[in-house]
């Protein structure tokens, strides 16, 4: 049986259109991805916005911390002079169950709102728990999700150690580990999978590394250029 590896767009299709925008997500969907990864922060008025950095300076014509501005203030800003910062719900409506959604909890206190939105889309919009995976580097955020809703699939991000990620994953019943590709060998991928975890690796963009990851039989590759997968 041929090993299948999920094609996951990193912040949409970041290699082509500004990351974490509706347009970038749409581009990834146009490429026929199996999944999309994005980042969330809680803004000052309580909505979850899809944005990677803690500050606005790199990506927008604004400045300061994302969490200190209200949604209406954030909506005034422009990414690359043309795109607006979307809310998680706006992105969910664009994806509309067409693929898996990996929500990375980036900012602080994103947990309860993320759980609330996931539950809402499952109850009222026909999504399933299996359509989501919630990941984070921050262990306490993942512990909080596990506390709130044991059915939400969890992924443990790591740029340090596969074994540490597995060890923590066991404590929260995670379904996956998300290691940086530089950590991976065919042995440790196999070890994680033998213990029952999916291995979703990031951020893999060049053909040689893509090929190597596929040879290691990872379960999914997160890439800025998902059409190359």
C-alpha atoms as a PDB file:
ATOM      1  CA  UNK A   1       0.000   0.000   0.000  1.00  0.00           C
ATOM      2  CA  UNK A   2       1.346   3.392  -0.962  1.00  0.00           C
ATOM      3  CA  UNK A   3       1.997   5.601   2.036  1.00  0.00           C
ATOM      4  CA  UNK A   4      -0.222   8.664   1.923  1.00  0.00           C
ATOM      5  CA  UNK A   5       1.127  11.955   3.185  1.00  0.00           C
ATOM      6  CA  UNK A   6      -1.240  14.864   3.789  1.00  0.00           C
ATOM      7  CA  UNK A   7      -0.488  18.083   1.914  1.00  0.00           C
ATOM      8  CA  UNK A   8      -0.947  20.920   4.408  1.00  0.00           C
ATOM      9  CA  UNK A   9      -0.735  24.591   3.451  1.00  0.00           C
ATOM     10  CA  UNK A  10       1.314  26.661   5.911  1.00  0.00           C
ATOM     11  CA  UNK A  11      -0.696  29.768   6.893  1.00  0.00           C
ATOM     12  CA  UNK A  12      -2.604  29.134   3.669  1.00  0.00           C
ATOM     13  CA  UNK A  13      -0.264  29.223   0.698  1.00  0.00           C
ATOM     14  CA  UNK A  14       2.329  31.553   2.233  1.00  0.00           C
ATOM     15  CA  UNK A  15       4.769  31.060  -0.636  1.00  0.00           C
ATOM     16  CA  UNK A  16       2.324  32.745  -3.026  1.00  0.00           C
ATOM     17  CA  UNK A  17       0.051  35.133  -1.127  1.00  0.00           C
ATOM     18  CA  UNK A  18       0.484  36.951   2.200  1.00  0.00           C
ATOM     19  CA  UNK A  19       0.192  34.434   5.040  1.00  0.00           C
ATOM     20  CA  UNK A  20      -2.989  33.884   7.067  1.00  0.00           C
ATOM     21  CA  UNK A  21      -5.179  35.963   4.743  1.00  0.00           C
ATOM     22  CA  UNK A  22      -8.463  34.780   3.251  1.00  0.00           C
ATOM     23  CA  UNK A  23      -6.820  35.027  -0.170  1.00  0.00           C
ATOM     24  CA  UNK A  24      -3.901  32.824   0.913  1.00  0.00           C
ATOM     25  CA  UNK A  25      -6.280  30.232   2.389  1.00  0.00           C
ATOM     26  CA  UNK A  26      -8.290  30.259  -0.840  1.00  0.00           C
ATOM     27  CA  UNK A  27      -5.104  29.748  -2.868  1.00  0.00           C
ATOM     28  CA  UNK A  28      -4.265  26.676  -0.763  1.00  0.00           C
ATOM     29  CA  UNK A  29      -7.782  25.320  -1.330  1.00  0.00           C
ATOM     30  CA  UNK A  30      -7.357  25.927  -5.071  1.00  0.00           C
ATOM     31  CA  UNK A  31      -4.237  23.732  -4.904  1.00  0.00           C
ATOM     32  CA  UNK A  32      -6.399  20.958  -3.463  1.00  0.00           C
ATOM     33  CA  UNK A  33      -4.643  20.706  -0.103  1.00  0.00           C
ATOM     34  CA  UNK A  34      -5.633  18.077   2.458  1.00  0.00           C
ATOM     35  CA  UNK A  35      -5.198  20.558   5.278  1.00  0.00           C
ATOM     36  CA  UNK A  36      -4.460  24.160   6.196  1.00  0.00           C
ATOM     37  CA  UNK A  37      -2.428  25.390   9.162  1.00  0.00           C
ATOM     38  CA  UNK A  38      -2.996  28.841  10.631  1.00  0.00           C
ATOM     39  CA  UNK A  39      -2.313  30.815  13.811  1.00  0.00           C
ATOM     40  CA  UNK A  40      -4.703  32.541  16.206  1.00  0.00           C
ATOM     41  CA  UNK A  41      -4.507  35.408  18.696  1.00  0.00           C
ATOM     42  CA  UNK A  42      -7.208  36.875  20.906  1.00  0.00           C
ATOM     43  CA  UNK A  43      -7.719  40.572  20.205  1.00  0.00           C
ATOM     44  CA  UNK A  44      -8.752  43.204  22.750  1.00  0.00           C
ATOM     45  CA  UNK A  45     -12.469  42.954  21.929  1.00  0.00           C
ATOM     46  CA  UNK A  46     -12.461  39.185  22.446  1.00  0.00           C
ATOM     47  CA  UNK A  47     -12.492  37.774  18.901  1.00  0.00           C
ATOM     48  CA  UNK A  48      -9.965  35.266  17.591  1.00  0.00           C
ATOM     49  CA  UNK A  49      -7.994  36.699  14.712  1.00  0.00           C
ATOM     50  CA  UNK A  50      -5.828  34.736  12.308  1.00  0.00           C
ATOM     51  CA  UNK A  51      -2.353  36.215  12.476  1.00  0.00           C
ATOM     52  CA  UNK A  52       1.073  34.783  13.167  1.00  0.00           C
ATOM     53  CA  UNK A  53       3.157  37.399  14.961  1.00  0.00           C
ATOM     54  CA  UNK A  54       2.452  38.832  18.394  1.00  0.00           C
ATOM     55  CA  UNK A  55       3.055  42.305  16.921  1.00  0.00           C
ATOM     56  CA  UNK A  56       1.656  43.987  13.836  1.00  0.00           C
ATOM     57  CA  UNK A  57       4.848  45.578  12.585  1.00  0.00           C
ATOM     58  CA  UNK A  58       6.243  42.943  10.200  1.00  0.00           C
ATOM     59  CA  UNK A  59       3.030  42.201   8.327  1.00  0.00           C
ATOM     60  CA  UNK A  60       0.894  45.359   8.433  1.00  0.00           C
ATOM     61  CA  UNK A  61       0.938  49.142   8.242  1.00  0.00           C
ATOM     62  CA  UNK A  62       0.120  49.155  11.974  1.00  0.00           C
ATOM     63  CA  UNK A  63       2.305  48.808  15.040  1.00  0.00           C
ATOM     64  CA  UNK A  64       2.084  47.284  18.517  1.00  0.00           C
ATOM     65  CA  UNK A  65       0.633  44.082  19.917  1.00  0.00           C
ATOM     66  CA  UNK A  66      -2.241  42.274  18.203  1.00  0.00           C
ATOM     67  CA  UNK A  67      -3.853  41.543  21.583  1.00  0.00           C
ATOM     68  CA  UNK A  68      -4.017  45.224  22.515  1.00  0.00           C
ATOM     69  CA  UNK A  69      -6.226  46.257  19.576  1.00  0.00           C
ATOM     70  CA  UNK A  70      -9.927  45.648  19.070  1.00  0.00           C
ATOM     71  CA  UNK A  71     -11.259  43.837  16.020  1.00  0.00           C
ATOM     72  CA  UNK A  72     -12.516  47.078  14.470  1.00  0.00           C
ATOM     73  CA  UNK A  73      -9.054  48.621  14.907  1.00  0.00           C
ATOM     74  CA  UNK A  74      -7.362  45.560  13.409  1.00  0.00           C
ATOM     75  CA  UNK A  75      -9.781  45.600  10.471  1.00  0.00           C
ATOM     76  CA  UNK A  76      -8.550  49.119   9.600  1.00  0.00           C
ATOM     77  CA  UNK A  77      -5.051  47.784   8.974  1.00  0.00           C
ATOM     78  CA  UNK A  78      -3.679  46.430   5.738  1.00  0.00           C
ATOM     79  CA  UNK A  79      -1.347  43.518   5.095  1.00  0.00           C
ATOM     80  CA  UNK A  80       0.892  44.304   2.082  1.00  0.00           C
ATOM     81  CA  UNK A  81      -1.338  47.339   1.432  1.00  0.00           C
ATOM     82  CA  UNK A  82      -4.164  45.102   0.230  1.00  0.00           C
ATOM     83  CA  UNK A  83      -5.350  42.344   2.572  1.00  0.00           C
ATOM     84  CA  UNK A  84      -7.236  42.543   5.866  1.00  0.00           C
ATOM     85  CA  UNK A  85      -6.685  40.508   9.013  1.00  0.00           C
ATOM     86  CA  UNK A  86      -9.378  37.795   9.120  1.00  0.00           C
ATOM     87  CA  UNK A  87     -11.183  36.303  12.095  1.00  0.00           C
ATOM     88  CA  UNK A  88     -11.054  32.558  12.654  1.00  0.00           C
ATOM     89  CA  UNK A  89     -14.751  32.317  11.819  1.00  0.00           C
ATOM     90  CA  UNK A  90     -14.283  34.082   8.479  1.00  0.00           C
ATOM     91  CA  UNK A  91     -11.611  31.536   7.580  1.00  0.00           C
ATOM     92  CA  UNK A  92     -13.757  28.611   8.735  1.00  0.00           C
ATOM     93  CA  UNK A  93     -16.517  29.824   6.437  1.00  0.00           C
ATOM     94  CA  UNK A  94     -14.100  29.904   3.493  1.00  0.00           C
ATOM     95  CA  UNK A  95     -12.704  26.424   4.206  1.00  0.00           C
ATOM     96  CA  UNK A  96     -16.234  25.113   4.779  1.00  0.00           C
ATOM     97  CA  UNK A  97     -15.157  21.528   5.610  1.00  0.00           C
ATOM     98  CA  UNK A  98     -13.171  21.181   2.374  1.00  0.00           C
ATOM     99  CA  UNK A  99     -10.070  20.118   4.296  1.00  0.00           C
ATOM    100  CA  UNK A 100      -8.564  19.551   7.723  1.00  0.00           C
ATOM    101  CA  UNK A 101      -7.898  22.707   9.717  1.00  0.00           C
ATOM    102  CA  UNK A 102      -4.877  22.901  12.007  1.00  0.00           C
ATOM    103  CA  UNK A 103      -5.354  25.802  14.437  1.00  0.00           C
ATOM    104  CA  UNK A 104      -2.128  26.775  16.159  1.00  0.00           C
ATOM    105  CA  UNK A 105      -2.700  28.541  19.477  1.00  0.00           C
ATOM    106  CA  UNK A 106      -0.164  31.330  19.214  1.00  0.00           C
ATOM    107  CA  UNK A 107      -1.230  34.095  21.568  1.00  0.00           C
ATOM    108  CA  UNK A 108      -2.097  33.827  25.243  1.00  0.00           C
ATOM    109  CA  UNK A 109      -5.605  32.924  26.421  1.00  0.00           C
ATOM    110  CA  UNK A 110      -6.689  31.597  23.030  1.00  0.00           C
ATOM    111  CA  UNK A 111      -7.916  28.307  24.444  1.00  0.00           C
ATOM    112  CA  UNK A 112     -11.476  28.830  25.596  1.00  0.00           C
ATOM    113  CA  UNK A 113     -12.503  30.894  22.572  1.00  0.00           C
ATOM    114  CA  UNK A 114     -10.954  28.337  20.208  1.00  0.00           C
ATOM    115  CA  UNK A 115     -12.855  25.505  21.903  1.00  0.00           C
ATOM    116  CA  UNK A 116     -16.056  27.542  21.784  1.00  0.00           C
ATOM    117  CA  UNK A 117     -15.726  28.167  18.030  1.00  0.00           C
ATOM    118  CA  UNK A 118     -14.792  24.558  17.257  1.00  0.00           C
ATOM    119  CA  UNK A 119     -17.813  23.347  19.236  1.00  0.00           C
ATOM    120  CA  UNK A 120     -20.073  25.893  17.538  1.00  0.00           C
ATOM    121  CA  UNK A 121     -19.000  24.780  14.049  1.00  0.00           C
ATOM    122  CA  UNK A 122     -19.530  21.145  15.004  1.00  0.00           C
ATOM    123  CA  UNK A 123     -22.976  21.809  16.489  1.00  0.00           C
ATOM    124  CA  UNK A 124     -24.329  24.256  13.923  1.00  0.00           C
ATOM    125  CA  UNK A 125     -22.294  24.015  10.695  1.00  0.00           C
ATOM    126  CA  UNK A 126     -21.878  20.297  10.146  1.00  0.00           C
ATOM    127  CA  UNK A 127     -18.166  20.073  10.952  1.00  0.00           C
ATOM    128  CA  UNK A 128     -16.761  17.074  12.860  1.00  0.00           C
ATOM    129  CA  UNK A 129     -14.076  16.891  15.527  1.00  0.00           C
ATOM    130  CA  UNK A 130     -11.920  15.067  12.965  1.00  0.00           C
ATOM    131  CA  UNK A 131     -11.969  18.167  10.747  1.00  0.00           C
ATOM    132  CA  UNK A 132      -9.811  19.961  13.329  1.00  0.00           C
ATOM    133  CA  UNK A 133      -6.471  19.652  15.002  1.00  0.00           C
ATOM    134  CA  UNK A 134      -5.406  22.172  17.623  1.00  0.00           C
ATOM    135  CA  UNK A 135      -1.651  22.550  18.073  1.00  0.00           C
ATOM    136  CA  UNK A 136       0.683  24.678  20.149  1.00  0.00           C
ATOM    137  CA  UNK A 137       4.215  24.978  21.474  1.00  0.00           C
ATOM    138  CA  UNK A 138       2.655  26.107  24.748  1.00  0.00           C
ATOM    139  CA  UNK A 139       1.936  23.069  26.856  1.00  0.00           C
ATOM    140  CA  UNK A 140      -0.447  24.832  29.234  1.00  0.00           C
ATOM    141  CA  UNK A 141      -2.655  25.970  26.336  1.00  0.00           C
ATOM    142  CA  UNK A 142      -2.978  22.376  25.118  1.00  0.00           C
ATOM    143  CA  UNK A 143      -3.634  21.175  28.682  1.00  0.00           C
ATOM    144  CA  UNK A 144      -6.430  23.738  28.879  1.00  0.00           C
ATOM    145  CA  UNK A 145      -8.035  22.480  25.652  1.00  0.00           C
ATOM    146  CA  UNK A 146      -7.816  18.919  26.991  1.00  0.00           C
ATOM    147  CA  UNK A 147      -9.474  20.124  30.194  1.00  0.00           C
ATOM    148  CA  UNK A 148     -12.351  21.830  28.306  1.00  0.00           C
ATOM    149  CA  UNK A 149     -13.115  19.249  25.605  1.00  0.00           C
ATOM    150  CA  UNK A 150     -11.379  15.858  25.453  1.00  0.00           C
ATOM    151  CA  UNK A 151     -12.704  15.239  21.934  1.00  0.00           C
ATOM    152  CA  UNK A 152     -10.756  18.033  20.241  1.00  0.00           C
ATOM    153  CA  UNK A 153      -7.757  16.435  18.485  1.00  0.00           C
ATOM    154  CA  UNK A 154      -4.460  17.858  19.774  1.00  0.00           C
ATOM    155  CA  UNK A 155      -1.014  18.204  18.215  1.00  0.00           C
ATOM    156  CA  UNK A 156       2.209  18.919  20.113  1.00  0.00           C
ATOM    157  CA  UNK A 157       4.567  21.315  18.328  1.00  0.00           C
ATOM    158  CA  UNK A 158       8.275  20.901  18.882  1.00  0.00           C
ATOM    159  CA  UNK A 159      11.510  22.312  17.583  1.00  0.00           C
ATOM    160  CA  UNK A 160      13.602  20.618  20.280  1.00  0.00           C
ATOM    161  CA  UNK A 161      12.893  16.921  20.720  1.00  0.00           C
ATOM    162  CA  UNK A 162      10.648  14.250  19.259  1.00  0.00           C
ATOM    163  CA  UNK A 163      10.826  12.199  22.454  1.00  0.00           C
ATOM    164  CA  UNK A 164       9.832  15.150  24.641  1.00  0.00           C
ATOM    165  CA  UNK A 165       6.903  15.836  22.318  1.00  0.00           C
ATOM    166  CA  UNK A 166       5.778  12.200  22.575  1.00  0.00           C
ATOM    167  CA  UNK A 167       6.163  12.242  26.342  1.00  0.00           C
ATOM    168  CA  UNK A 168       3.976  15.350  26.668  1.00  0.00           C
ATOM    169  CA  UNK A 169       1.520  14.084  24.031  1.00  0.00           C
ATOM    170  CA  UNK A 170       0.797  11.069  26.236  1.00  0.00           C
ATOM    171  CA  UNK A 171      -0.341  13.298  29.111  1.00  0.00           C
ATOM    172  CA  UNK A 172      -3.016  15.064  27.024  1.00  0.00           C
ATOM    173  CA  UNK A 173      -4.030  12.183  24.804  1.00  0.00           C
ATOM    174  CA  UNK A 174      -2.802  14.055  21.693  1.00  0.00           C
ATOM    175  CA  UNK A 175      -3.282  12.513  18.260  1.00  0.00           C
ATOM    176  CA  UNK A 176      -0.190  13.998  16.634  1.00  0.00           C
ATOM    177  CA  UNK A 177       3.214  15.513  17.129  1.00  0.00           C
ATOM    178  CA  UNK A 178       4.343  18.404  14.935  1.00  0.00           C
ATOM    179  CA  UNK A 179       8.150  18.394  14.910  1.00  0.00           C
ATOM    180  CA  UNK A 180      10.374  20.676  12.895  1.00  0.00           C
ATOM    181  CA  UNK A 181      11.678  18.634   9.965  1.00  0.00           C
ATOM    182  CA  UNK A 182      15.301  19.073  11.124  1.00  0.00           C
ATOM    183  CA  UNK A 183      14.533  16.812  14.112  1.00  0.00           C
ATOM    184  CA  UNK A 184      13.334  13.872  12.067  1.00  0.00           C
ATOM    185  CA  UNK A 185      14.890  10.545  11.150  1.00  0.00           C
ATOM    186  CA  UNK A 186      13.102   7.520   9.774  1.00  0.00           C
ATOM    187  CA  UNK A 187      13.651   5.905  13.209  1.00  0.00           C
ATOM    188  CA  UNK A 188      12.011   8.584  15.316  1.00  0.00           C
ATOM    189  CA  UNK A 189       9.125   9.008  12.858  1.00  0.00           C
ATOM    190  CA  UNK A 190       8.547   5.283  13.107  1.00  0.00           C
ATOM    191  CA  UNK A 191       8.840   5.388  16.907  1.00  0.00           C
ATOM    192  CA  UNK A 192       6.179   8.101  17.164  1.00  0.00           C
ATOM    193  CA  UNK A 193       3.861   6.268  14.780  1.00  0.00           C
ATOM    194  CA  UNK A 194       4.333   2.979  16.632  1.00  0.00           C
ATOM    195  CA  UNK A 195       3.155   4.763  19.766  1.00  0.00           C
ATOM    196  CA  UNK A 196       0.044   5.802  17.862  1.00  0.00           C
ATOM    197  CA  UNK A 197       0.882   9.396  16.873  1.00  0.00           C
ATOM    198  CA  UNK A 198       0.601  11.032  13.496  1.00  0.00           C
ATOM    199  CA  UNK A 199       3.705  12.987  12.532  1.00  0.00           C
ATOM    200  CA  UNK A 200       3.014  16.327  10.829  1.00  0.00           C
ATOM    201  CA  UNK A 201       6.250  18.142  10.044  1.00  0.00           C
ATOM    202  CA  UNK A 202       6.962  21.791   9.180  1.00  0.00           C
ATOM    203  CA  UNK A 203       7.962  23.926   7.261  1.00  0.00           C
ATOM    204  CA  UNK A 204       9.158  21.925   4.289  1.00  0.00           C
ATOM    205  CA  UNK A 205       9.580  23.826   1.037  1.00  0.00           C
ATOM    206  CA  UNK A 206      12.440  22.462  -1.059  1.00  0.00           C
ATOM    207  CA  UNK A 207      12.144  19.364  -3.204  1.00  0.00           C
ATOM    208  CA  UNK A 208      14.998  17.441  -1.541  1.00  0.00           C
ATOM    209  CA  UNK A 209      13.574  17.866   1.961  1.00  0.00           C
ATOM    210  CA  UNK A 210      10.044  17.084   0.749  1.00  0.00           C
ATOM    211  CA  UNK A 211      11.376  13.867  -0.757  1.00  0.00           C
ATOM    212  CA  UNK A 212      13.308  12.982   2.401  1.00  0.00           C
ATOM    213  CA  UNK A 213      10.247  13.533   4.609  1.00  0.00           C
ATOM    214  CA  UNK A 214       8.162  11.328   2.319  1.00  0.00           C
ATOM    215  CA  UNK A 215      10.851   8.633   2.544  1.00  0.00           C
ATOM    216  CA  UNK A 216      10.602   8.866   6.335  1.00  0.00           C
ATOM    217  CA  UNK A 217       6.875   8.215   5.865  1.00  0.00           C
ATOM    218  CA  UNK A 218       5.619  11.234   7.802  1.00  0.00           C
ATOM    219  CA  UNK A 219       1.825  11.525   7.918  1.00  0.00           C
ATOM    220  CA  UNK A 220       1.701  15.113   6.727  1.00  0.00           C
ATOM    221  CA  UNK A 221       3.914  17.918   5.467  1.00  0.00           C
ATOM    222  CA  UNK A 222       3.197  21.557   6.259  1.00  0.00           C
ATOM    223  CA  UNK A 223       4.551  23.745   3.456  1.00  0.00           C
ATOM    224  CA  UNK A 224       4.499  27.325   2.172  1.00  0.00           C
ATOM    225  CA  UNK A 225       4.286  25.827  -1.328  1.00  0.00           C
ATOM    226  CA  UNK A 226       1.729  23.030  -0.913  1.00  0.00           C
ATOM    227  CA  UNK A 227       1.394  22.576  -4.674  1.00  0.00           C
ATOM    228  CA  UNK A 228       4.931  21.091  -4.635  1.00  0.00           C
ATOM    229  CA  UNK A 229       3.885  18.291  -2.316  1.00  0.00           C
END
